């Protein structure tokens, strides 16, 4: 089972909504455990089993469904 940890800005509604979409996409998978925790102001980061995942394209948030599909994949490349 994979453990996905999503760190989100505790005050930003856009990041909060994006986090909810991603978490809901992943929670239907019995092989994925999702933890959502408050992070720093402006933060949106994702880890799979402790390894960072690239959750942004530049300053933009990656599409939640695309990111969820990648997170369900067999291997996730660490953020570079």
C-alpha atoms as a PDB file:
ATOM      1  CA  UNK A   1       0.000   0.000   0.000  1.00  0.00           C
ATOM      2  CA  UNK A   2       1.221   3.485  -0.897  1.00  0.00           C
ATOM      3  CA  UNK A   3       0.979   6.341   1.559  1.00  0.00           C
ATOM      4  CA  UNK A   4       0.353   9.705  -0.083  1.00  0.00           C
ATOM      5  CA  UNK A   5       0.862  12.816   2.027  1.00  0.00           C
ATOM      6  CA  UNK A   6      -0.486  16.094   0.691  1.00  0.00           C
ATOM      7  CA  UNK A   7       0.729  19.283   2.364  1.00  0.00           C
ATOM      8  CA  UNK A   8      -1.468  22.270   1.658  1.00  0.00           C
ATOM      9  CA  UNK A   9      -1.647  25.924   2.537  1.00  0.00           C
ATOM     10  CA  UNK A  10      -4.033  26.202   5.498  1.00  0.00           C
ATOM     11  CA  UNK A  11      -5.579  29.478   4.252  1.00  0.00           C
ATOM     12  CA  UNK A  12      -5.637  29.353   0.429  1.00  0.00           C
ATOM     13  CA  UNK A  13      -9.032  28.276  -0.897  1.00  0.00           C
ATOM     14  CA  UNK A  14      -7.665  27.452  -4.379  1.00  0.00           C
ATOM     15  CA  UNK A  15      -5.073  25.069  -2.962  1.00  0.00           C
ATOM     16  CA  UNK A  16      -7.671  23.679  -0.540  1.00  0.00           C
ATOM     17  CA  UNK A  17     -10.081  22.889  -3.372  1.00  0.00           C
ATOM     18  CA  UNK A  18      -7.292  21.340  -5.440  1.00  0.00           C
ATOM     19  CA  UNK A  19      -6.225  19.238  -2.453  1.00  0.00           C
ATOM     20  CA  UNK A  20      -9.800  18.014  -1.957  1.00  0.00           C
ATOM     21  CA  UNK A  21     -10.059  17.014  -5.626  1.00  0.00           C
ATOM     22  CA  UNK A  22      -6.784  15.089  -5.504  1.00  0.00           C
ATOM     23  CA  UNK A  23      -7.545  13.410  -2.180  1.00  0.00           C
ATOM     24  CA  UNK A  24     -11.025  12.357  -3.340  1.00  0.00           C
ATOM     25  CA  UNK A  25      -9.559  10.901  -6.540  1.00  0.00           C
ATOM     26  CA  UNK A  26      -7.106   8.819  -4.536  1.00  0.00           C
ATOM     27  CA  UNK A  27      -9.376   7.708  -1.691  1.00  0.00           C
ATOM     28  CA  UNK A  28     -11.273   5.356  -3.989  1.00  0.00           C
ATOM     29  CA  UNK A  29      -8.126   3.269  -4.484  1.00  0.00           C
ATOM     30  CA  UNK A  30      -7.790   0.493  -1.865  1.00  0.00           C
ATOM     31  CA  UNK A  31      -3.999   0.459  -2.385  1.00  0.00           C
ATOM     32  CA  UNK A  32      -3.531   4.115  -1.438  1.00  0.00           C
ATOM     33  CA  UNK A  33      -3.704   5.727   2.001  1.00  0.00           C
ATOM     34  CA  UNK A  34      -4.126   9.519   1.850  1.00  0.00           C
ATOM     35  CA  UNK A  35      -3.020  11.958   4.558  1.00  0.00           C
ATOM     36  CA  UNK A  36      -3.777  15.665   4.205  1.00  0.00           C
ATOM     37  CA  UNK A  37      -1.825  17.982   6.483  1.00  0.00           C
ATOM     38  CA  UNK A  38      -1.461  21.735   6.783  1.00  0.00           C
ATOM     39  CA  UNK A  39       1.791  23.066   5.387  1.00  0.00           C
ATOM     40  CA  UNK A  40       3.316  26.492   4.998  1.00  0.00           C
ATOM     41  CA  UNK A  41       1.544  29.498   3.501  1.00  0.00           C
ATOM     42  CA  UNK A  42       1.215  28.941  -0.262  1.00  0.00           C
ATOM     43  CA  UNK A  43       2.408  25.336  -0.059  1.00  0.00           C
ATOM     44  CA  UNK A  44       1.072  22.474  -2.147  1.00  0.00           C
ATOM     45  CA  UNK A  45       3.368  19.466  -2.071  1.00  0.00           C
ATOM     46  CA  UNK A  46       2.886  15.743  -2.421  1.00  0.00           C
ATOM     47  CA  UNK A  47       4.935  12.795  -1.148  1.00  0.00           C
ATOM     48  CA  UNK A  48       4.513   9.099  -1.897  1.00  0.00           C
ATOM     49  CA  UNK A  49       6.032   6.868   0.752  1.00  0.00           C
ATOM     50  CA  UNK A  50       8.222   9.794   1.822  1.00  0.00           C
ATOM     51  CA  UNK A  51       9.457  10.684  -1.697  1.00  0.00           C
ATOM     52  CA  UNK A  52       8.620  14.112  -3.102  1.00  0.00           C
ATOM     53  CA  UNK A  53       6.527  14.238  -6.275  1.00  0.00           C
ATOM     54  CA  UNK A  54       6.404  17.160  -8.691  1.00  0.00           C
ATOM     55  CA  UNK A  55       2.928  18.545  -7.916  1.00  0.00           C
ATOM     56  CA  UNK A  56       3.331  21.821  -9.843  1.00  0.00           C
ATOM     57  CA  UNK A  57       4.125  22.953 -13.374  1.00  0.00           C
ATOM     58  CA  UNK A  58       6.146  26.078 -12.722  1.00  0.00           C
ATOM     59  CA  UNK A  59       3.892  28.147 -10.482  1.00  0.00           C
ATOM     60  CA  UNK A  60       0.700  26.317 -11.566  1.00  0.00           C
ATOM     61  CA  UNK A  61      -0.833  23.321  -9.828  1.00  0.00           C
ATOM     62  CA  UNK A  62      -0.880  20.161 -11.935  1.00  0.00           C
ATOM     63  CA  UNK A  63      -4.266  18.805 -12.949  1.00  0.00           C
ATOM     64  CA  UNK A  64      -5.652  16.748 -10.044  1.00  0.00           C
ATOM     65  CA  UNK A  65      -6.795  13.824 -12.206  1.00  0.00           C
ATOM     66  CA  UNK A  66      -3.452  13.620 -14.047  1.00  0.00           C
ATOM     67  CA  UNK A  67      -1.533  13.793 -10.772  1.00  0.00           C
ATOM     68  CA  UNK A  68      -3.779  11.137  -9.196  1.00  0.00           C
ATOM     69  CA  UNK A  69      -3.179   8.820 -12.167  1.00  0.00           C
ATOM     70  CA  UNK A  70       0.587   9.281 -11.802  1.00  0.00           C
ATOM     71  CA  UNK A  71       0.429   8.657  -8.050  1.00  0.00           C
ATOM     72  CA  UNK A  72      -1.439   5.387  -8.626  1.00  0.00           C
ATOM     73  CA  UNK A  73       1.307   4.278 -11.065  1.00  0.00           C
ATOM     74  CA  UNK A  74       3.831   1.610 -10.132  1.00  0.00           C
ATOM     75  CA  UNK A  75       6.755   4.009  -9.767  1.00  0.00           C
ATOM     76  CA  UNK A  76       6.770   7.723  -9.039  1.00  0.00           C
ATOM     77  CA  UNK A  77       9.838   9.736  -9.952  1.00  0.00           C
ATOM     78  CA  UNK A  78      11.178  12.004  -7.255  1.00  0.00           C
ATOM     79  CA  UNK A  79      10.853  15.744  -7.809  1.00  0.00           C
ATOM     80  CA  UNK A  80      13.904  17.201  -9.456  1.00  0.00           C
END
